[in-house]
Amino acid sequence: MRWIAMVAACLATVARAEGLPSGIDLSGFASVGSVGGANAGVGVDMPATGIIVDPYARGPGAGRPAGGDPPRWFDDDDAWDTPERRFYIAGLLGASFATLEVQEPPSIVGDLLTAGAAAGVAFERDGGWLRLEFEGRGRDPISETRTDPGLVGSVSATAVRGWSALVNVWRDLEITDRFGCYVGGGLGAGGYTMIFNGALAAPPFPFVSEISGRTGLTGFAWQAGTGITWALGDRTTLDLGYRFFAVDGGPADLTISLPPFGSFTDAAGTRFSASELLLTIRIYEPFRDWRD
């Protein structure tokens, strides 16, 4: 009969924790707790040690009496009610298949490394989340040296210190409890430092033209993208995404020196764009444990 009393006590605990009405009259059973020794109402005494049952440890809205903290081994994350609005931080790392347009074709192309971070807030919506975030990223330099068959010498064009700061809006759609996809984009600003360096001569003339320039450029930037997500748990999500990014850097200054005739300045229009593959690790409520 002891196991009947134990099962009945467990049913009572579950019904209380879940806020469900019990269809079983358990009034004849003694409560099972940390203090035993009570008669179970069926002629069986419960053991003096009792059973550790904490009906206040689980279930939304269940309060705890004073001094009734759960055991140290209890995992509060299991009882966490996902709020309708969640703060998150994210780290991004990926490959940027970039194109740098300088004045006239052909364009400069290269494979770059891009990395950065983001912080945002996710709002619960039907079928997924609506995420509003701020993202900052940097990119490796892109460079090329060009020669002209009719000239002697070469000129190199390099874009360094590439950066972007965007406000993004993403719409997550749940496919299963763990898998999902998203679509969205962002607007903001971006830039790079444009550097020119080289020397050219036109045979048979003995004069050599020296070309130089260094200009910091900032312009309007935007991106659009999509991707898939995999929830590792309640708080951690992996994200594999594609984005097309572009920034209109504008004109970069050039100084052309032609001794002994002096020098003059010119400008070359520039524009940076890239197809990017990004791996993102997103962590929700990163400071939750600090409150415990």
Protein backbone atom coordinates (compact mmCIF):
# COMPACT_ATOMS: atom_id res chain seq x y z
CA MET A 1 0.00 0.00 0.00
CA ARG A 2 2.99 2.33 0.44
CA TRP A 3 3.46 2.75 -3.31
CA ILE A 4 -0.21 3.74 -3.66
CA ALA A 5 0.33 6.56 -1.17
CA MET A 6 3.47 7.68 -2.97
CA VAL A 7 1.74 7.74 -6.39
CA ALA A 8 -1.18 9.63 -4.96
CA ALA A 9 1.14 12.21 -3.44
CA CYS A 10 2.91 12.66 -6.79
CA LEU A 11 -0.41 13.16 -8.56
CA ALA A 12 -1.35 15.80 -6.04
CA THR A 13 1.97 17.57 -6.57
CA VAL A 14 1.62 17.60 -10.37
CA ALA A 15 -1.95 18.85 -10.19
CA ARG A 16 -0.91 21.66 -7.89
CA ALA A 17 2.16 22.63 -9.92
CA GLU A 18 0.28 22.74 -13.21
CA GLY A 19 -2.76 24.45 -11.74
CA LEU A 20 -4.99 21.55 -12.83
CA PRO A 21 -8.05 20.30 -10.94
CA SER A 22 -7.56 16.86 -9.50
CA GLY A 23 -10.18 14.23 -10.29
CA ILE A 24 -8.99 12.07 -7.38
CA ASP A 25 -9.99 12.64 -3.77
CA LEU A 26 -6.63 12.68 -2.03
CA SER A 27 -7.90 14.05 1.27
CA GLY A 28 -7.25 10.74 2.96
CA PHE A 29 -3.54 10.83 2.25
CA ALA A 30 -1.04 12.68 4.35
CA SER A 31 1.03 15.32 2.62
CA VAL A 32 4.46 14.12 1.64
CA GLY A 33 7.27 16.50 2.39
CA SER A 34 10.56 16.93 4.11
CA VAL A 35 8.93 16.04 7.43
CA GLY A 36 7.32 12.60 7.55
CA GLY A 37 5.80 10.37 10.18
CA ALA A 38 2.17 11.20 9.35
CA ASN A 39 -0.42 8.48 8.90
CA ALA A 40 -1.36 8.09 5.20
CA GLY A 41 -4.98 7.42 5.97
CA VAL A 42 -4.81 3.83 4.73
CA GLY A 43 -3.17 2.22 7.74
CA VAL A 44 0.40 2.82 6.49
CA ASP A 45 2.86 5.12 8.17
CA MET A 46 5.06 7.17 5.80
CA PRO A 47 8.82 6.90 6.47
CA ALA A 48 10.17 9.54 8.79
CA THR A 49 12.56 10.88 6.15
CA GLY A 50 9.79 11.59 3.66
CA ILE A 51 10.26 12.39 -0.05
CA ILE A 52 11.71 15.62 -1.40
CA VAL A 53 8.82 17.16 -3.32
CA ASP A 54 8.80 20.89 -3.94
CA PRO A 55 5.50 21.86 -5.60
CA TYR A 56 6.63 25.49 -5.59
CA ALA A 57 9.75 24.81 -7.65
CA ARG A 58 7.92 24.34 -10.97
CA GLY A 59 5.04 25.91 -12.77
CA PRO A 60 4.46 29.50 -13.84
CA GLY A 61 3.19 31.74 -11.12
CA ALA A 62 3.81 29.27 -8.32
CA GLY A 63 5.04 31.09 -5.26
CA ARG A 64 7.44 29.85 -2.63
CA PRO A 65 7.01 30.09 1.10
CA ALA A 66 9.67 31.88 3.09
CA GLY A 67 12.84 29.83 3.20
CA GLY A 68 11.42 27.45 0.58
CA ASP A 69 14.16 27.80 -2.03
CA PRO A 70 14.57 24.77 -4.32
CA PRO A 71 17.48 22.37 -3.85
CA ARG A 72 20.82 23.52 -5.23
CA TRP A 73 20.68 20.94 -8.02
CA PHE A 74 17.44 22.31 -9.40
CA ASP A 75 17.84 23.85 -12.91
CA ASP A 76 15.86 27.07 -13.06
CA ASP A 77 16.25 27.17 -16.87
CA ASP A 78 13.85 24.23 -17.14
CA ALA A 79 11.08 26.30 -15.57
CA TRP A 80 11.88 29.53 -17.44
CA ASP A 81 8.88 31.09 -19.13
CA THR A 82 10.02 32.56 -22.45
CA PRO A 83 9.06 36.25 -22.37
CA GLU A 84 7.40 37.99 -25.28
CA ARG A 85 10.42 40.28 -25.64
CA ARG A 86 14.00 39.00 -25.40
CA PHE A 87 17.32 40.84 -25.48
CA TYR A 88 20.23 39.14 -27.23
CA ILE A 89 23.81 39.58 -28.31
CA ALA A 90 25.52 37.90 -31.26
CA GLY A 91 28.94 37.30 -32.76
CA LEU A 92 29.39 37.14 -36.55
CA LEU A 93 32.18 35.63 -38.65
CA GLY A 94 32.26 34.90 -42.35
CA ALA A 95 33.57 35.29 -45.88
CA SER A 96 32.99 38.37 -48.00
CA PHE A 97 33.26 37.91 -51.77
CA ALA A 98 33.88 41.55 -52.52
CA THR A 99 33.96 43.86 -55.52
CA LEU A 100 35.60 47.30 -55.42
CA GLU A 101 34.67 49.56 -58.31
CA VAL A 102 37.21 52.31 -58.98
CA GLN A 103 36.27 54.90 -61.63
CA GLU A 104 36.16 52.54 -64.61
CA PRO A 105 36.06 48.78 -65.21
CA PRO A 106 37.56 46.30 -64.68
CA SER A 107 36.61 46.15 -61.02
CA ILE A 108 38.82 44.81 -58.23
CA VAL A 109 37.59 41.52 -56.78
CA GLY A 110 38.75 39.54 -53.76
CA ASP A 111 37.78 37.13 -50.97
CA LEU A 112 37.85 38.88 -47.61
CA LEU A 113 37.28 37.99 -43.96
CA THR A 114 34.49 39.83 -42.19
CA ALA A 115 33.66 39.77 -38.48
CA GLY A 116 31.62 41.75 -36.00
CA ALA A 117 28.94 41.77 -33.34
CA ALA A 118 25.28 42.65 -32.93
CA ALA A 119 22.83 43.42 -30.13
CA GLY A 120 19.09 43.45 -30.44
CA VAL A 121 15.63 42.70 -29.13
CA ALA A 122 13.35 39.91 -30.37
CA PHE A 123 9.58 40.37 -30.22
CA GLU A 124 7.32 37.33 -30.24
CA ARG A 125 5.01 37.11 -33.27
CA ASP A 126 2.82 34.41 -34.78
CA GLY A 127 5.06 31.69 -36.14
CA GLY A 128 8.35 33.22 -35.00
CA TRP A 129 10.14 36.36 -33.87
CA LEU A 130 10.56 39.89 -35.17
CA ARG A 131 14.12 41.03 -34.42
CA LEU A 132 15.36 44.61 -34.32
CA GLU A 133 19.15 44.88 -33.93
CA PHE A 134 22.22 47.07 -34.28
CA GLU A 135 25.16 45.47 -36.09
CA GLY A 136 28.77 46.56 -36.48
CA ARG A 137 31.31 44.78 -38.68
CA GLY A 138 34.78 45.15 -40.14
CA ARG A 139 36.37 43.75 -43.32
CA ASP A 140 39.82 42.85 -44.56
CA PRO A 141 41.60 45.09 -47.09
CA ILE A 142 41.06 44.60 -50.81
CA SER A 143 43.81 45.60 -53.26
CA GLU A 144 45.03 45.29 -56.83
CA THR A 145 47.99 46.55 -58.86
CA ARG A 146 47.36 47.47 -62.48
CA THR A 147 49.58 48.06 -65.47
CA ASP A 148 48.91 49.49 -68.93
CA PRO A 149 50.56 47.88 -71.99
CA GLY A 150 51.24 51.33 -73.45
CA LEU A 151 52.88 52.66 -70.28
CA VAL A 152 55.83 51.78 -68.09
CA GLY A 153 55.13 51.29 -64.39
CA SER A 154 52.06 50.39 -62.36
CA VAL A 155 49.49 51.84 -59.97
CA SER A 156 48.01 50.04 -56.94
CA ALA A 157 44.55 50.76 -55.55
CA THR A 158 43.72 49.54 -52.03
CA ALA A 159 40.70 49.85 -49.75
CA VAL A 160 41.59 49.32 -46.06
CA ARG A 161 39.76 49.63 -42.72
CA GLY A 162 36.42 48.62 -44.16
CA TRP A 163 33.56 49.02 -41.69
CA SER A 164 29.77 49.16 -41.48
CA ALA A 165 27.19 50.08 -38.84
CA LEU A 166 23.62 49.07 -39.66
CA VAL A 167 20.18 48.89 -38.06
CA ASN A 168 18.61 45.60 -39.15
CA VAL A 169 15.12 44.14 -39.10
CA TRP A 170 14.80 40.35 -39.38
CA ARG A 171 11.64 38.21 -39.45
CA ASP A 172 12.14 34.70 -38.06
CA LEU A 173 9.81 31.89 -39.14
CA GLU A 174 9.68 28.63 -37.19
CA ILE A 175 9.76 25.42 -39.24
CA THR A 176 10.07 23.05 -36.26
CA ASP A 177 10.82 23.58 -32.58
CA ARG A 178 14.53 23.82 -33.43
CA PHE A 179 14.76 24.70 -37.14
CA GLY A 180 13.78 28.03 -38.62
CA CYS A 181 14.53 30.54 -41.35
CA TYR A 182 14.54 34.32 -41.63
CA VAL A 183 14.57 37.18 -44.09
CA GLY A 184 15.27 40.90 -43.73
CA GLY A 185 17.81 43.63 -44.17
CA GLY A 186 19.30 46.81 -42.80
CA LEU A 187 20.25 50.42 -43.45
CA GLY A 188 23.08 52.52 -42.11
CA ALA A 189 26.54 53.77 -42.93
CA GLY A 190 29.84 52.26 -44.00
CA GLY A 191 33.20 53.22 -45.30
CA TYR A 192 36.85 52.50 -45.99
CA THR A 193 40.14 54.31 -46.59
CA MET A 194 41.14 54.46 -50.25
CA ILE A 195 44.88 54.47 -51.04
CA PHE A 196 46.55 55.01 -54.43
CA ASN A 197 50.26 54.62 -55.05
CA GLY A 198 52.37 54.19 -58.19
CA ALA A 199 54.34 55.71 -61.06
CA LEU A 200 53.82 55.71 -64.83
CA ALA A 201 55.85 56.79 -67.84
CA ALA A 202 54.94 57.02 -71.52
CA PRO A 203 57.90 56.10 -73.77
CA PRO A 204 59.71 57.68 -75.52
CA PHE A 205 59.08 60.65 -73.22
CA PRO A 206 61.46 60.67 -70.23
CA PHE A 207 58.93 62.12 -67.82
CA VAL A 208 57.54 59.95 -64.99
CA SER A 209 54.16 60.65 -63.43
CA GLU A 210 53.85 59.84 -59.75
CA ILE A 211 50.34 58.98 -58.54
CA SER A 212 49.35 59.05 -54.86
CA GLY A 213 46.33 59.55 -52.67
CA ARG A 214 44.79 58.61 -49.33
CA THR A 215 41.13 59.40 -48.62
CA GLY A 216 38.82 58.28 -45.84
CA LEU A 217 35.36 57.64 -47.30
CA THR A 218 31.98 57.28 -45.62
CA GLY A 219 28.69 56.66 -47.36
CA PHE A 220 25.22 55.17 -47.26
CA ALA A 221 25.25 51.40 -46.71
CA TRP A 222 22.59 48.72 -46.91
CA GLN A 223 22.20 44.97 -46.85
CA ALA A 224 19.56 42.33 -47.51
CA GLY A 225 19.70 38.68 -46.65
CA THR A 226 18.21 35.39 -45.58
CA GLY A 227 19.32 32.31 -43.69
CA ILE A 228 18.50 29.30 -41.57
CA THR A 229 18.64 28.90 -37.79
CA TRP A 230 19.20 25.99 -35.41
CA ALA A 231 18.23 26.37 -31.75
CA LEU A 232 20.77 24.63 -29.54
CA GLY A 233 18.66 25.39 -26.49
CA ASP A 234 16.35 27.96 -24.96
CA ARG A 235 19.02 30.65 -25.06
CA THR A 236 21.51 29.79 -27.83
CA THR A 237 20.90 29.79 -31.59
CA LEU A 238 23.21 29.11 -34.53
CA ASP A 239 22.57 31.09 -37.70
CA LEU A 240 23.95 30.41 -41.20
CA GLY A 241 23.04 33.24 -43.52
CA TYR A 242 23.67 34.97 -46.83
CA ARG A 243 23.75 38.76 -47.21
CA PHE A 244 24.34 41.16 -50.05
CA PHE A 245 26.06 44.29 -48.73
CA ALA A 246 26.90 47.55 -50.50
CA VAL A 247 28.29 50.97 -49.59
CA ASP A 248 28.69 53.97 -51.87
CA GLY A 249 32.03 55.38 -50.76
CA GLY A 250 32.09 58.26 -53.20
CA PRO A 251 35.07 59.97 -54.88
CA ALA A 252 38.63 59.39 -53.67
CA ASP A 253 41.29 62.07 -54.19
CA LEU A 254 44.28 61.53 -56.50
CA THR A 255 47.43 63.60 -56.73
CA ILE A 256 49.36 63.33 -60.00
CA SER A 257 52.88 64.78 -60.02
CA LEU A 258 54.73 65.32 -63.30
CA PRO A 259 58.15 66.87 -62.68
CA PRO A 260 59.18 69.40 -63.78
CA PHE A 261 55.66 70.52 -64.71
CA GLY A 262 54.18 70.44 -61.21
CA SER A 263 51.16 68.47 -60.01
CA PHE A 264 47.39 68.48 -60.15
CA THR A 265 44.55 66.71 -58.32
CA ASP A 266 41.77 64.52 -59.60
CA ALA A 267 39.06 62.28 -58.13
CA ALA A 268 38.11 58.67 -58.78
CA GLY A 269 34.65 57.39 -57.93
CA THR A 270 34.53 54.25 -55.76
CA ARG A 271 31.91 51.76 -54.63
CA PHE A 272 32.17 48.60 -52.52
CA SER A 273 29.78 45.63 -52.66
CA ALA A 274 29.95 42.02 -51.52
CA SER A 275 28.12 38.72 -51.32
CA GLU A 276 28.70 37.41 -47.81
CA LEU A 277 28.28 34.08 -46.02
CA LEU A 278 28.05 34.49 -42.24
CA LEU A 279 28.01 32.14 -39.26
CA THR A 280 26.35 33.76 -36.26
CA ILE A 281 26.04 32.65 -32.64
CA ARG A 282 23.13 34.37 -30.92
CA ILE A 283 22.68 34.30 -27.12
CA TYR A 284 19.39 35.39 -25.57
CA GLU A 285 19.19 36.93 -22.08
CA PRO A 286 22.99 36.84 -21.70
CA PHE A 287 22.86 38.45 -18.25
CA ARG A 288 20.09 36.28 -16.78
CA ASP A 289 22.46 34.29 -14.54
CA TRP A 290 23.83 37.52 -13.07
CA ARG A 291 20.45 38.14 -11.45
CA ASP A 292 20.46 34.83 -9.58
